[in-house]
Amino acid sequence: MSVSIKIHSKELKGDLEKGIKLPIMEEFYSIQGEGYNTGKAAYFIRVGGCDVGCHWCDVKESWNPDLHPLVEVEKIVTNIQSIGAKSIVITGGEPLLYNLDFITKKLKEIDVEVFLETSGAYSHSGTWDWYCLSPKKNKPPLISSYEHADEIKVIIFNKNDFDWAEQHAKKVSKNCKLYLQPEWSKSNEILPLLIDYVKAHPQWSISLQTHKFMQIP
């Protein structure tokens, strides 16, 4: 499975390739609910398009990029400035399907922190203050992705995923933060296993989707 956007205009295609415009599913100001930066106020930019295809994904509506408008990066930056957000999360979908050099350059010009959420399945672009690598079985990370990871966040869906998480943990730097996160629909079943595992393997921490408990986006 691959992702492509149906563009008939050469000008629009060029803007997309340069990252001047991106397919945006949504933008919103909220609280980061997962991983190392949990609890921080953050402006989320959800990019449309993903071919990783996790069956438990809770934003499947982000998969098809053609459903989401191409938005000028300059407009996104203006939206952020009007709110005054200081931390920005670029997520998806899979944001590294696109060239993110331009958007991160523009965001750094307004003096904000810029965080990435990615499966690591595509080549690196952009300049980041924090790189969260969340490896997926359907399309594993590129070897180069592990070098960039400040944090690895593995979704645990069943018991076999613990061994799979350890395989990825061996590939990141010793300074990389390690997180295990229960898949939301199976939290009641998985969380007790996570607690026991982290107590026995204290190099890991537990990430919870706290935004869902707070009932915020």
Protein backbone atom coordinates (compact mmCIF):
# COMPACT_ATOMS: atom_id res chain seq x y z
CA MET A 1 0.00 0.00 0.00
CA SER A 2 1.31 3.46 -0.86
CA VAL A 3 0.10 7.01 -0.33
CA SER A 4 -0.19 9.57 -3.10
CA ILE A 5 -2.16 12.76 -3.48
CA LYS A 6 -4.13 13.37 -6.65
CA ILE A 7 -2.80 16.71 -7.88
CA HIS A 8 -3.34 17.96 -11.41
CA SER A 9 -1.68 21.35 -11.00
CA LYS A 10 2.13 21.39 -11.42
CA GLU A 11 2.29 24.42 -9.13
CA LEU A 12 0.46 22.63 -6.30
CA LYS A 13 2.56 19.50 -6.79
CA GLY A 14 5.70 21.61 -6.49
CA ASP A 15 4.42 23.26 -3.32
CA LEU A 16 3.77 19.83 -1.80
CA GLU A 17 7.18 18.45 -2.75
CA LYS A 18 8.88 21.50 -1.23
CA GLY A 19 6.69 21.30 1.88
CA ILE A 20 5.30 24.80 1.30
CA LYS A 21 1.84 23.26 1.53
CA LEU A 22 0.84 20.11 3.41
CA PRO A 23 -2.37 18.03 3.58
CA ILE A 24 -3.75 18.93 6.99
CA MET A 25 -6.48 16.91 8.68
CA GLU A 26 -6.71 19.18 11.72
CA GLU A 27 -4.97 21.75 13.88
CA PHE A 28 -5.82 22.27 17.55
CA TYR A 29 -4.39 23.56 20.81
CA SER A 30 -4.54 21.04 23.63
CA ILE A 31 -2.45 19.11 26.16
CA GLN A 32 0.06 16.46 25.14
CA GLY A 33 -1.31 13.19 26.49
CA GLU A 34 1.43 10.68 25.72
CA GLY A 35 5.11 9.95 26.27
CA TYR A 36 7.85 12.15 27.63
CA ASN A 37 6.06 15.48 27.11
CA THR A 38 2.80 14.42 28.75
CA GLY A 39 1.02 17.32 30.42
CA LYS A 40 2.54 20.10 28.31
CA ALA A 41 0.32 22.55 26.47
CA ALA A 42 0.89 21.95 22.76
CA TYR A 43 -0.44 22.95 19.36
CA PHE A 44 -1.08 19.84 17.28
CA ILE A 45 -0.72 19.71 13.51
CA ARG A 46 -2.16 16.45 12.18
CA VAL A 47 -0.91 15.72 8.67
CA GLY A 48 -3.08 13.57 6.41
CA GLY A 49 -1.68 10.46 4.75
CA CYS A 50 -0.47 7.12 6.15
CA ASP A 51 0.21 3.73 4.61
CA VAL A 52 1.40 1.95 7.76
CA GLY A 53 -2.11 0.62 8.35
CA CYS A 54 -2.27 -0.31 12.06
CA HIS A 55 -5.58 -2.13 12.61
CA TRP A 56 -6.02 -0.49 16.02
CA CYS A 57 -5.29 3.06 14.81
CA ASP A 58 -7.69 5.55 16.40
CA VAL A 59 -7.35 8.13 13.60
CA LYS A 60 -7.97 6.03 10.50
CA GLU A 61 -9.63 9.07 8.94
CA SER A 62 -6.12 10.49 8.58
CA TRP A 63 -4.96 7.72 6.24
CA ASN A 64 -6.25 9.07 2.92
CA PRO A 65 -4.44 12.34 2.12
CA ASP A 66 -6.92 13.20 -0.63
CA LEU A 67 -9.57 13.82 2.02
CA HIS A 68 -7.61 16.69 3.53
CA PRO A 69 -6.93 20.14 2.04
CA LEU A 70 -3.48 21.35 1.13
CA VAL A 71 -2.80 24.18 3.57
CA GLU A 72 -0.07 26.81 3.30
CA VAL A 73 2.56 26.42 6.01
CA GLU A 74 2.59 30.21 6.43
CA LYS A 75 -1.12 30.02 7.38
CA ILE A 76 -0.38 27.33 9.98
CA VAL A 77 2.35 29.50 11.50
CA THR A 78 -0.05 32.46 11.65
CA ASN A 79 -2.61 30.29 13.46
CA ILE A 80 0.00 29.29 16.03
CA GLN A 81 1.11 32.87 16.60
CA SER A 82 -2.50 33.99 17.16
CA ILE A 83 -2.82 31.45 19.99
CA GLY A 84 0.62 31.97 21.45
CA ALA A 85 1.51 28.27 21.69
CA LYS A 86 5.13 27.53 22.59
CA SER A 87 5.26 23.78 21.88
CA ILE A 88 4.21 22.28 18.56
CA VAL A 89 3.53 18.60 17.81
CA ILE A 90 3.55 17.43 14.20
CA THR A 91 1.77 14.11 13.97
CA GLY A 92 -0.42 12.13 11.59
CA GLY A 93 -1.08 10.07 9.73
CA GLU A 94 2.62 9.69 9.00
CA PRO A 95 4.19 13.15 8.75
CA LEU A 96 7.50 11.97 7.27
CA LEU A 97 5.72 11.07 4.05
CA TYR A 98 6.36 14.76 3.31
CA ASN A 99 9.26 17.16 3.28
CA LEU A 100 9.14 18.84 6.69
CA ASP A 101 12.20 21.06 6.29
CA PHE A 102 10.19 24.14 5.40
CA ILE A 103 7.60 23.93 8.16
CA THR A 104 10.16 23.31 10.90
CA LYS A 105 12.30 26.17 9.60
CA LYS A 106 9.33 28.52 9.79
CA LEU A 107 8.38 27.27 13.25
CA LYS A 108 11.91 27.76 14.59
CA GLU A 109 11.78 31.34 13.27
CA ILE A 110 8.94 32.08 15.72
CA ASP A 111 10.93 30.55 18.60
CA VAL A 112 8.80 27.53 19.50
CA GLU A 113 9.68 23.93 20.44
CA VAL A 114 8.89 21.47 17.66
CA PHE A 115 8.11 17.82 18.40
CA LEU A 116 7.65 14.96 15.92
CA GLU A 117 5.51 11.82 16.27
CA THR A 118 6.49 9.24 13.64
CA SER A 119 6.66 5.55 12.84
CA GLY A 120 10.12 6.18 11.40
CA ALA A 121 9.21 4.31 8.21
CA TYR A 122 10.27 7.19 5.94
CA SER A 123 13.40 9.27 5.45
CA HIS A 124 14.20 12.02 7.91
CA SER A 125 13.42 15.66 7.21
CA GLY A 126 12.92 18.67 9.44
CA THR A 127 14.68 20.08 12.50
CA TRP A 128 13.32 18.80 15.81
CA ASP A 129 13.58 19.53 19.50
CA TRP A 130 12.07 16.12 20.27
CA TYR A 131 11.73 13.04 18.05
CA CYS A 132 9.26 10.42 19.25
CA LEU A 133 9.69 7.14 17.38
CA SER A 134 6.70 4.81 17.58
CA PRO A 135 7.64 1.69 15.58
CA LYS A 136 4.91 -0.30 13.87
CA LYS A 137 4.95 -3.93 12.74
CA ASN A 138 3.35 -3.37 9.34
CA LYS A 139 6.12 -1.04 8.23
CA PRO A 140 9.15 -1.02 10.57
CA PRO A 141 11.40 2.03 11.01
CA LEU A 142 14.33 2.73 8.75
CA ILE A 143 17.65 2.04 10.46
CA SER A 144 18.46 5.76 10.32
CA SER A 145 15.31 6.59 12.33
CA TYR A 146 16.72 5.05 15.49
CA GLU A 147 19.62 7.50 15.41
CA HIS A 148 17.23 10.46 15.67
CA ALA A 149 14.99 9.07 18.44
CA ASP A 150 14.85 10.97 21.72
CA GLU A 151 12.00 8.72 22.80
CA ILE A 152 10.70 5.35 21.67
CA LYS A 153 7.04 4.65 22.36
CA VAL A 154 5.82 1.13 21.70
CA ILE A 155 2.12 0.31 21.65
CA ILE A 156 1.39 -2.95 23.47
CA PHE A 157 -1.54 -4.89 22.02
CA ASN A 158 -0.65 -8.38 23.28
CA LYS A 159 2.03 -10.22 25.29
CA ASN A 160 4.22 -10.79 22.23
CA ASP A 161 4.72 -7.06 21.89
CA PHE A 162 7.02 -6.93 24.92
CA ASP A 163 9.71 -8.95 23.11
CA TRP A 164 9.13 -6.84 20.01
CA ALA A 165 9.62 -3.66 22.06
CA GLU A 166 12.93 -4.93 23.41
CA GLN A 167 14.18 -5.56 19.88
CA HIS A 168 13.65 -1.89 19.05
CA ALA A 169 15.09 -0.67 22.34
CA LYS A 170 18.42 -2.29 21.41
CA LYS A 171 18.65 -0.05 18.34
CA VAL A 172 18.33 3.38 19.98
CA SER A 173 20.94 5.36 21.91
CA LYS A 174 21.44 4.81 25.63
CA ASN A 175 19.96 8.28 26.27
CA CYS A 176 16.70 7.52 24.47
CA LYS A 177 13.65 7.41 26.76
CA LEU A 178 11.74 4.11 26.62
CA TYR A 179 7.94 4.00 26.88
CA LEU A 180 5.35 1.24 26.70
CA GLN A 181 1.77 2.29 26.04
CA PRO A 182 -1.32 0.08 26.24
CA GLU A 183 -3.49 0.01 23.14
CA TRP A 184 -6.54 1.98 24.23
CA SER A 185 -9.26 -0.56 23.43
CA LYS A 186 -7.43 -3.19 25.52
CA SER A 187 -6.20 -0.98 28.34
CA ASN A 188 -8.00 -2.88 31.11
CA GLU A 189 -6.39 -6.12 29.96
CA ILE A 190 -2.93 -4.79 29.09
CA LEU A 191 -2.25 -2.25 31.83
CA PRO A 192 -1.73 -4.82 34.64
CA LEU A 193 0.79 -6.60 32.41
CA LEU A 194 2.56 -3.30 31.74
CA ILE A 195 2.79 -2.51 35.44
CA ASP A 196 4.39 -5.87 36.21
CA TYR A 197 6.73 -5.59 33.23
CA VAL A 198 7.99 -2.12 34.07
CA LYS A 199 8.56 -3.09 37.71
CA ALA A 200 10.73 -5.95 36.45
CA HIS A 201 12.35 -3.83 33.69
CA PRO A 202 12.72 -0.32 35.18
CA GLN A 203 14.50 1.05 32.12
CA TRP A 204 10.99 1.35 30.68
CA SER A 205 8.26 3.78 31.71
CA ILE A 206 4.51 3.61 31.10
CA SER A 207 2.81 6.07 28.77
CA LEU A 208 -0.95 6.49 29.08
CA GLN A 209 -3.23 8.38 26.71
CA THR A 210 -4.10 10.88 29.41
CA HIS A 211 -5.91 13.18 26.95
CA LYS A 212 -8.57 10.49 26.63
CA PHE A 213 -9.06 10.42 30.39
CA MET A 214 -9.31 14.23 30.32
CA GLN A 215 -11.75 13.97 27.40
CA ILE A 216 -9.84 16.46 25.30
CA PRO A 217 -8.52 16.10 21.71
